[in-house]
Each structure stands twice: as structure tokens, then as C-alpha cells.
Protein backbone atom coordinates (compact mmCIF):
# COMPACT_ATOMS: atom_id res chain seq x y z
CA VAL A 1 2.47 8.55 1.03
CA GLN A 2 3.55 4.90 1.03
CA LEU A 3 1.05 2.10 1.49
CA GLN A 4 1.63 -1.48 2.49
CA ALA A 5 -0.93 -4.26 2.25
CA SER A 6 -0.73 -7.21 4.62
CA GLY A 7 -2.78 -10.01 6.09
CA GLY A 8 -3.11 -12.39 3.17
CA GLY A 9 -2.73 -16.11 3.48
CA LEU A 10 -4.14 -19.51 2.67
CA VAL A 11 -7.72 -20.10 3.82
CA GLN A 12 -10.55 -22.47 3.03
CA ALA A 13 -13.77 -21.63 1.22
CA GLY A 14 -16.22 -20.08 3.63
CA ASP A 15 -13.55 -18.63 5.89
CA SER A 16 -13.09 -14.98 6.83
CA LEU A 17 -9.97 -12.86 6.75
CA ARG A 18 -8.95 -9.27 7.38
CA LEU A 19 -6.50 -7.43 5.16
CA SER A 20 -4.75 -4.28 6.35
CA CYS A 21 -3.39 -1.36 4.37
CA THR A 22 -1.05 0.75 6.47
CA ALA A 23 0.07 4.20 5.35
CA SER A 24 3.26 6.07 6.14
CA ARG A 25 1.22 9.04 7.39
CA ARG A 26 -2.26 9.85 8.59
CA PHE A 27 -4.94 10.11 5.95
CA TYR A 28 -6.04 13.52 4.78
CA THR A 29 -9.57 14.61 4.04
CA SER A 30 -8.70 14.46 0.34
CA ASP A 31 -7.59 10.82 0.51
CA THR A 32 -9.53 7.92 -0.89
CA VAL A 33 -8.02 4.48 -0.39
CA GLY A 34 -8.94 1.65 -2.69
CA TRP A 35 -8.46 -2.08 -2.62
CA PHE A 36 -7.79 -3.83 -5.90
CA ARG A 37 -6.99 -7.42 -6.74
CA GLN A 38 -5.32 -9.27 -9.55
CA ALA A 39 -5.81 -12.97 -10.14
CA PRO A 40 -3.36 -14.99 -12.24
CA GLY A 41 -3.88 -14.31 -15.92
CA LYS A 42 -6.47 -11.61 -15.27
CA GLU A 43 -6.46 -7.85 -15.21
CA ARG A 44 -6.40 -5.91 -12.01
CA GLU A 45 -9.89 -5.13 -10.75
CA PHE A 46 -11.37 -2.76 -8.25
CA VAL A 47 -12.73 -4.27 -5.04
CA ALA A 48 -13.63 -1.50 -2.59
CA GLY A 49 -12.90 2.12 -1.76
CA ILE A 50 -13.23 4.43 1.20
CA ARG A 51 -12.85 8.14 1.58
CA TRP A 52 -11.24 9.72 4.64
CA ALA A 53 -13.18 9.05 7.87
CA GLY A 54 -15.46 6.67 6.07
CA SER A 55 -17.57 9.41 4.58
CA ASN A 56 -17.92 7.41 1.39
CA LYS A 57 -17.62 3.64 1.09
CA TYR A 58 -18.22 1.84 -2.16
CA TYR A 59 -17.83 -1.68 -3.48
CA ASP A 60 -17.67 -3.71 -6.62
CA ASP A 61 -20.86 -5.68 -7.12
CA SER A 62 -18.93 -8.97 -7.19
CA ILE A 63 -18.07 -8.73 -3.48
CA LYS A 64 -20.89 -6.58 -2.16
CA GLY A 65 -22.33 -7.97 1.03
CA ARG A 66 -19.29 -10.15 1.73
CA PHE A 67 -16.52 -7.58 2.08
CA THR A 68 -16.44 -4.51 4.31
CA ILE A 69 -13.97 -1.66 4.09
CA SER A 70 -13.16 0.56 7.04
CA MET A 71 -10.59 3.14 8.09
CA GLU A 72 -8.85 3.68 11.42
CA ASN A 73 -7.04 6.95 10.98
CA ALA A 74 -5.33 6.81 14.38
CA LYS A 75 -3.46 3.78 13.08
CA HIS A 76 -3.08 5.10 9.50
CA THR A 77 -4.79 1.89 8.40
CA VAL A 78 -7.60 0.82 6.09
CA TYR A 79 -9.06 -2.63 6.58
CA LEU A 80 -10.81 -5.02 4.24
CA ASP A 81 -12.86 -7.56 6.14
CA MET A 82 -13.71 -10.48 3.90
CA ASN A 83 -16.35 -13.09 4.71
CA SER A 84 -17.59 -16.20 2.92
CA LEU A 85 -14.42 -16.37 0.89
CA GLN A 86 -14.55 -18.35 -2.33
CA PRO A 87 -11.83 -19.77 -4.57
CA GLU A 88 -12.57 -17.03 -7.09
CA ASP A 89 -11.41 -14.50 -4.49
CA THR A 90 -7.89 -15.88 -4.89
CA ALA A 91 -5.66 -13.02 -6.01
CA VAL A 92 -2.95 -10.62 -5.01
CA TYR A 93 -4.64 -7.77 -3.18
CA TYR A 94 -3.27 -4.25 -3.44
CA CYS A 95 -4.17 -0.96 -1.83
CA ALA A 96 -3.60 2.46 -3.33
CA ARG A 97 -4.52 6.09 -2.76
CA SER A 98 -6.47 8.57 -4.85
CA THR A 99 -7.75 12.09 -4.52
CA GLN A 100 -10.78 11.14 -6.64
CA SER A 101 -13.52 10.12 -4.25
CA GLY A 102 -15.63 7.35 -5.69
CA SER A 103 -13.15 6.35 -8.35
CA ARG A 104 -12.84 2.69 -9.35
CA TRP A 105 -10.30 3.37 -12.08
CA GLY A 106 -6.75 2.24 -11.41
CA PRO A 107 -5.00 5.20 -13.11
CA ASP A 108 -6.72 7.57 -10.67
CA PHE A 109 -4.78 5.90 -7.89
CA ASP A 110 -1.14 6.24 -6.89
CA SER A 111 1.07 5.11 -4.02
CA TRP A 112 0.57 1.47 -4.90
CA GLY A 113 2.10 -0.74 -2.28
CA ARG A 114 3.28 -4.31 -2.58
CA GLY A 115 0.33 -6.62 -2.61
CA THR A 116 -0.58 -9.43 -0.31
CA GLN A 117 -1.48 -12.89 -1.62
CA LEU A 118 -4.81 -14.46 -0.72
CA THR A 119 -5.40 -18.05 -1.68
CA VAL A 120 -8.77 -19.66 -1.05
CA SER A 121 -8.90 -23.43 -1.34
CA SER A 122 -12.11 -25.29 -2.12
């Protein structure tokens, strides 16, 4: 499967934005899709994950309550809705697929797509 993240841009602090991760095929019951981000000079970090049909959604504590992950299988797409964006959310956002439901560990994921840049100005 190939994944492509999109929807990034330049926003102001407090704004909302939706990122999309579109797959080359429908998601299978074994698929978990994760969102990760990497800020300049920092390591890649887990943001949120969702198992097929939304049976399991999980988040990093740093964004809990502000970000929501969802899946629309008819469109082969996973969304990341981000609210109350802050400058520290500035990063390149990536999506990837795993067969390990609940994983937050990058090496468990494959099919990394090109990321999308989010810049939040203060």
C-alpha cells in the first residue's frame, strides 16, 4: 500500500486544520494507520493512530484533546483534525501503516508516504 499525506500549510496559533492520509487501496481489518511528526532538529514522534473502522483510536498525551483521528474507508483516507494549534505543533507530518494495533513505535510501521509541512505562527 502507498500512503500520501496532504493538507499542511501555514496557519496562526489557535487555528484548526485537517490533514488527510490517502491510501492506494482500501484499508484492511489488519491495518492500523498512524500519524507521526518531525520538527526541525528533533526526532520523529508518534501523534495518533487508528485501527481499521475506528475500532481503536489512540493518541500521544501531548496532543490529546486537541487532535482527532478518523478513518473514511470508502475514500481510503485517514484524517487528522487539529484544533488549537500552537507553534510547537510545527513539523512535517507523516502517515504510515502497521499491522500492530496500538503501536506507537516507528519501526512497526511501513508504507511511509511523503510528509506534509505544517507551520504554526505565533
